[in-house]
Amino acid sequence: MNIEEVDLEASLKAARPFLGHVHLADTNRQALGHGRLDGAGVLSALAEIGYQGYLAFEVFPLPEACTAIRDGLAAVRAAAIGLSL
């Protein structure tokens, strides 16, 4: 969606009936926070539509796997503060 959609948040809202799980990656396929994706906007849109499905990281293990996991989790936690996810 990041590449093809003009408004990612609006696209997520429109896709609401079809969302079963969401793969999270930044614009460069690294963990959130390592590119230009508005992770807070994505999570806010998911909270707004009442999304209760799975979130999965689909990222390159850069700079290495453990750091990618830690950075991704930290970005999601920071963006999700105050959201009902």
N, C-alpha and C. Protein backbone atom coordinates (compact mmCIF):
# COMPACT_ATOMS: atom_id res chain seq x y z
N MET A 1 0.82 -1.19 0.00
CA MET A 1 0.00 0.00 0.00
C MET A 1 0.86 1.25 0.00
N ASN A 2 1.99 1.19 0.68
CA ASN A 2 2.87 2.34 0.78
C ASN A 2 3.26 2.89 -0.59
N ILE A 3 3.49 2.02 -1.55
CA ILE A 3 3.93 2.44 -2.88
C ILE A 3 2.76 2.84 -3.76
N GLU A 4 1.66 2.12 -3.67
CA GLU A 4 0.58 2.29 -4.63
C GLU A 4 -0.53 3.25 -4.21
N GLU A 5 -0.70 3.47 -2.95
CA GLU A 5 -1.82 4.28 -2.48
C GLU A 5 -1.40 5.72 -2.21
N VAL A 6 -2.25 6.66 -2.59
CA VAL A 6 -1.99 8.08 -2.36
C VAL A 6 -2.15 8.42 -0.88
N ASP A 7 -3.18 7.86 -0.25
CA ASP A 7 -3.48 8.13 1.15
C ASP A 7 -3.57 6.80 1.88
N LEU A 8 -2.51 6.42 2.55
CA LEU A 8 -2.42 5.12 3.19
C LEU A 8 -3.50 4.93 4.25
N GLU A 9 -3.72 5.95 5.07
CA GLU A 9 -4.72 5.82 6.13
C GLU A 9 -6.12 5.63 5.55
N ALA A 10 -6.47 6.39 4.51
CA ALA A 10 -7.78 6.25 3.87
C ALA A 10 -7.92 4.87 3.23
N SER A 11 -6.85 4.36 2.67
CA SER A 11 -6.88 3.04 2.05
C SER A 11 -7.10 1.95 3.09
N LEU A 12 -6.47 2.07 4.24
CA LEU A 12 -6.69 1.10 5.32
C LEU A 12 -8.15 1.14 5.78
N LYS A 13 -8.69 2.32 5.91
CA LYS A 13 -10.09 2.44 6.32
C LYS A 13 -11.02 1.82 5.29
N ALA A 14 -10.73 2.01 4.01
CA ALA A 14 -11.56 1.44 2.94
C ALA A 14 -11.44 -0.08 2.90
N ALA A 15 -10.28 -0.60 3.29
CA ALA A 15 -10.03 -2.04 3.25
C ALA A 15 -10.50 -2.75 4.52
N ARG A 16 -11.10 -2.04 5.42
CA ARG A 16 -11.49 -2.58 6.73
C ARG A 16 -12.13 -3.97 6.66
N PRO A 17 -13.11 -4.20 5.79
CA PRO A 17 -13.75 -5.52 5.81
C PRO A 17 -12.84 -6.66 5.37
N PHE A 18 -11.73 -6.34 4.75
CA PHE A 18 -10.86 -7.35 4.19
C PHE A 18 -9.58 -7.58 5.00
N LEU A 19 -9.36 -6.81 6.04
CA LEU A 19 -8.11 -6.91 6.81
C LEU A 19 -8.17 -8.07 7.79
N GLY A 20 -7.24 -9.01 7.64
CA GLY A 20 -7.13 -10.12 8.57
C GLY A 20 -5.85 -10.05 9.37
N HIS A 21 -4.81 -9.53 8.75
CA HIS A 21 -3.56 -9.24 9.44
C HIS A 21 -2.84 -8.15 8.66
N VAL A 22 -1.98 -7.42 9.34
CA VAL A 22 -1.28 -6.30 8.73
C VAL A 22 0.22 -6.53 8.87
N HIS A 23 0.93 -6.45 7.76
CA HIS A 23 2.39 -6.54 7.77
C HIS A 23 2.93 -5.13 7.91
N LEU A 24 3.79 -4.93 8.88
CA LEU A 24 4.37 -3.62 9.12
C LEU A 24 5.82 -3.59 8.67
N ALA A 25 6.14 -2.63 7.84
CA ALA A 25 7.52 -2.38 7.43
C ALA A 25 7.60 -0.91 7.06
N ASP A 26 8.75 -0.32 7.22
CA ASP A 26 8.92 1.07 6.82
C ASP A 26 9.11 1.13 5.31
N THR A 27 9.24 2.32 4.78
CA THR A 27 9.31 2.52 3.33
C THR A 27 10.52 1.86 2.69
N ASN A 28 11.54 1.56 3.47
CA ASN A 28 12.75 0.93 2.96
C ASN A 28 12.85 -0.54 3.34
N ARG A 29 11.72 -1.12 3.78
CA ARG A 29 11.61 -2.51 4.20
C ARG A 29 12.38 -2.82 5.47
N GLN A 30 12.75 -1.78 6.21
CA GLN A 30 13.36 -1.97 7.52
C GLN A 30 12.30 -1.75 8.59
N ALA A 31 12.68 -1.87 9.84
CA ALA A 31 11.74 -1.68 10.95
C ALA A 31 11.18 -0.27 10.93
N LEU A 32 9.97 -0.12 11.46
CA LEU A 32 9.37 1.22 11.56
C LEU A 32 10.34 2.15 12.26
N GLY A 33 10.41 3.37 11.75
CA GLY A 33 11.33 4.35 12.31
C GLY A 33 12.63 4.47 11.54
N HIS A 34 12.85 3.57 10.60
CA HIS A 34 14.08 3.58 9.81
C HIS A 34 13.85 4.12 8.39
N GLY A 35 12.64 4.56 8.12
CA GLY A 35 12.30 5.08 6.79
C GLY A 35 11.40 6.29 6.93
N ARG A 36 10.48 6.45 6.00
CA ARG A 36 9.62 7.64 5.97
C ARG A 36 8.14 7.37 6.28
N LEU A 37 7.80 6.14 6.61
CA LEU A 37 6.40 5.80 6.86
C LEU A 37 5.90 6.48 8.13
N ASP A 38 4.69 6.99 8.09
CA ASP A 38 4.04 7.56 9.27
C ASP A 38 3.39 6.41 10.05
N GLY A 39 4.21 5.74 10.85
CA GLY A 39 3.72 4.60 11.62
C GLY A 39 2.60 4.98 12.56
N ALA A 40 2.68 6.15 13.16
CA ALA A 40 1.61 6.62 14.06
C ALA A 40 0.31 6.79 13.29
N GLY A 41 0.39 7.31 12.07
CA GLY A 41 -0.81 7.48 11.25
C GLY A 41 -1.44 6.15 10.87
N VAL A 42 -0.61 5.17 10.54
CA VAL A 42 -1.10 3.83 10.21
C VAL A 42 -1.79 3.21 11.41
N LEU A 43 -1.15 3.24 12.56
CA LEU A 43 -1.74 2.65 13.77
C LEU A 43 -2.98 3.41 14.20
N SER A 44 -2.99 4.71 14.02
CA SER A 44 -4.18 5.50 14.34
C SER A 44 -5.36 5.10 13.45
N ALA A 45 -5.09 4.91 12.16
CA ALA A 45 -6.16 4.49 11.24
C ALA A 45 -6.68 3.11 11.63
N LEU A 46 -5.78 2.20 12.00
CA LEU A 46 -6.21 0.87 12.43
C LEU A 46 -7.05 0.94 13.70
N ALA A 47 -6.66 1.80 14.63
CA ALA A 47 -7.45 1.96 15.86
C ALA A 47 -8.82 2.55 15.54
N GLU A 48 -8.85 3.50 14.62
CA GLU A 48 -10.11 4.16 14.26
C GLU A 48 -11.12 3.19 13.66
N ILE A 49 -10.65 2.19 12.90
CA ILE A 49 -11.58 1.23 12.31
C ILE A 49 -11.83 0.03 13.22
N GLY A 50 -11.24 0.06 14.41
CA GLY A 50 -11.46 -1.02 15.37
C GLY A 50 -10.74 -2.31 15.00
N TYR A 51 -9.62 -2.19 14.31
CA TYR A 51 -8.87 -3.38 13.89
C TYR A 51 -8.40 -4.16 15.10
N GLN A 52 -8.69 -5.45 15.13
CA GLN A 52 -8.31 -6.32 16.24
C GLN A 52 -7.47 -7.51 15.77
N GLY A 53 -7.02 -7.48 14.52
CA GLY A 53 -6.24 -8.59 13.97
C GLY A 53 -4.78 -8.51 14.36
N TYR A 54 -4.01 -9.32 13.69
CA TYR A 54 -2.57 -9.41 13.97
C TYR A 54 -1.79 -8.31 13.29
N LEU A 55 -0.71 -7.90 13.92
CA LEU A 55 0.30 -7.03 13.33
C LEU A 55 1.58 -7.86 13.24
N ALA A 56 2.20 -7.88 12.09
CA ALA A 56 3.43 -8.66 11.91
C ALA A 56 4.49 -7.78 11.29
N PHE A 57 5.72 -7.94 11.74
CA PHE A 57 6.83 -7.25 11.10
C PHE A 57 7.26 -8.07 9.88
N GLU A 58 7.43 -7.40 8.80
CA GLU A 58 7.95 -8.03 7.58
C GLU A 58 9.08 -7.13 7.11
N VAL A 59 10.23 -7.27 7.76
CA VAL A 59 11.33 -6.33 7.55
C VAL A 59 12.65 -7.07 7.31
N PHE A 60 13.58 -6.35 6.72
CA PHE A 60 14.93 -6.87 6.60
C PHE A 60 15.57 -6.90 7.99
N PRO A 61 16.40 -7.87 8.29
CA PRO A 61 17.04 -7.95 9.60
C PRO A 61 18.25 -7.02 9.68
N LEU A 62 17.98 -5.71 9.58
CA LEU A 62 19.06 -4.71 9.56
C LEU A 62 18.92 -3.76 10.74
N PRO A 63 19.98 -3.35 11.37
CA PRO A 63 21.35 -3.73 11.09
C PRO A 63 21.63 -5.20 11.40
N GLU A 64 20.80 -5.78 12.27
CA GLU A 64 20.78 -7.22 12.49
C GLU A 64 19.44 -7.56 13.12
N ALA A 65 19.08 -8.84 13.14
CA ALA A 65 17.72 -9.25 13.48
C ALA A 65 17.23 -8.74 14.83
N CYS A 66 18.00 -8.90 15.88
CA CYS A 66 17.54 -8.49 17.22
C CYS A 66 17.28 -6.99 17.31
N THR A 67 18.14 -6.21 16.68
CA THR A 67 17.95 -4.76 16.69
C THR A 67 16.72 -4.38 15.89
N ALA A 68 16.49 -5.04 14.77
CA ALA A 68 15.30 -4.77 13.95
C ALA A 68 14.03 -5.04 14.76
N ILE A 69 14.02 -6.15 15.48
CA ILE A 69 12.86 -6.49 16.32
C ILE A 69 12.66 -5.44 17.41
N ARG A 70 13.73 -5.11 18.12
CA ARG A 70 13.64 -4.11 19.20
C ARG A 70 13.16 -2.77 18.66
N ASP A 71 13.74 -2.31 17.55
CA ASP A 71 13.36 -1.02 16.98
C ASP A 71 11.91 -1.03 16.52
N GLY A 72 11.48 -2.11 15.88
CA GLY A 72 10.10 -2.20 15.42
C GLY A 72 9.11 -2.17 16.57
N LEU A 73 9.40 -2.94 17.61
CA LEU A 73 8.52 -2.94 18.79
C LEU A 73 8.48 -1.57 19.46
N ALA A 74 9.64 -0.93 19.58
CA ALA A 74 9.69 0.39 20.20
C ALA A 74 8.87 1.40 19.39
N ALA A 75 8.96 1.34 18.07
CA ALA A 75 8.21 2.27 17.22
C ALA A 75 6.71 2.04 17.34
N VAL A 76 6.29 0.78 17.38
CA VAL A 76 4.86 0.47 17.52
C VAL A 76 4.36 0.92 18.89
N ARG A 77 5.12 0.63 19.93
CA ARG A 77 4.70 1.04 21.28
C ARG A 77 4.60 2.56 21.39
N ALA A 78 5.57 3.27 20.84
CA ALA A 78 5.55 4.73 20.90
C ALA A 78 4.37 5.29 20.11
N ALA A 79 4.10 4.73 18.95
CA ALA A 79 3.00 5.23 18.10
C ALA A 79 1.65 4.86 18.68
N ALA A 80 1.57 3.76 19.44
CA ALA A 80 0.29 3.27 19.94
C ALA A 80 -0.13 3.89 21.26
N ILE A 81 0.70 4.73 21.85
CA ILE A 81 0.34 5.36 23.12
C ILE A 81 -0.95 6.15 22.93
N GLY A 82 -1.92 5.84 23.74
CA GLY A 82 -3.20 6.53 23.67
C GLY A 82 -4.19 5.93 22.68
N LEU A 83 -3.79 4.92 21.93
CA LEU A 83 -4.70 4.29 20.98
C LEU A 83 -5.29 3.04 21.60
N SER A 84 -6.46 2.67 21.15
CA SER A 84 -7.10 1.45 21.66
C SER A 84 -6.85 0.30 20.70
N LEU A 85 -5.61 -0.16 20.68
CA LEU A 85 -5.26 -1.32 19.84
C LEU A 85 -5.16 -2.56 20.69
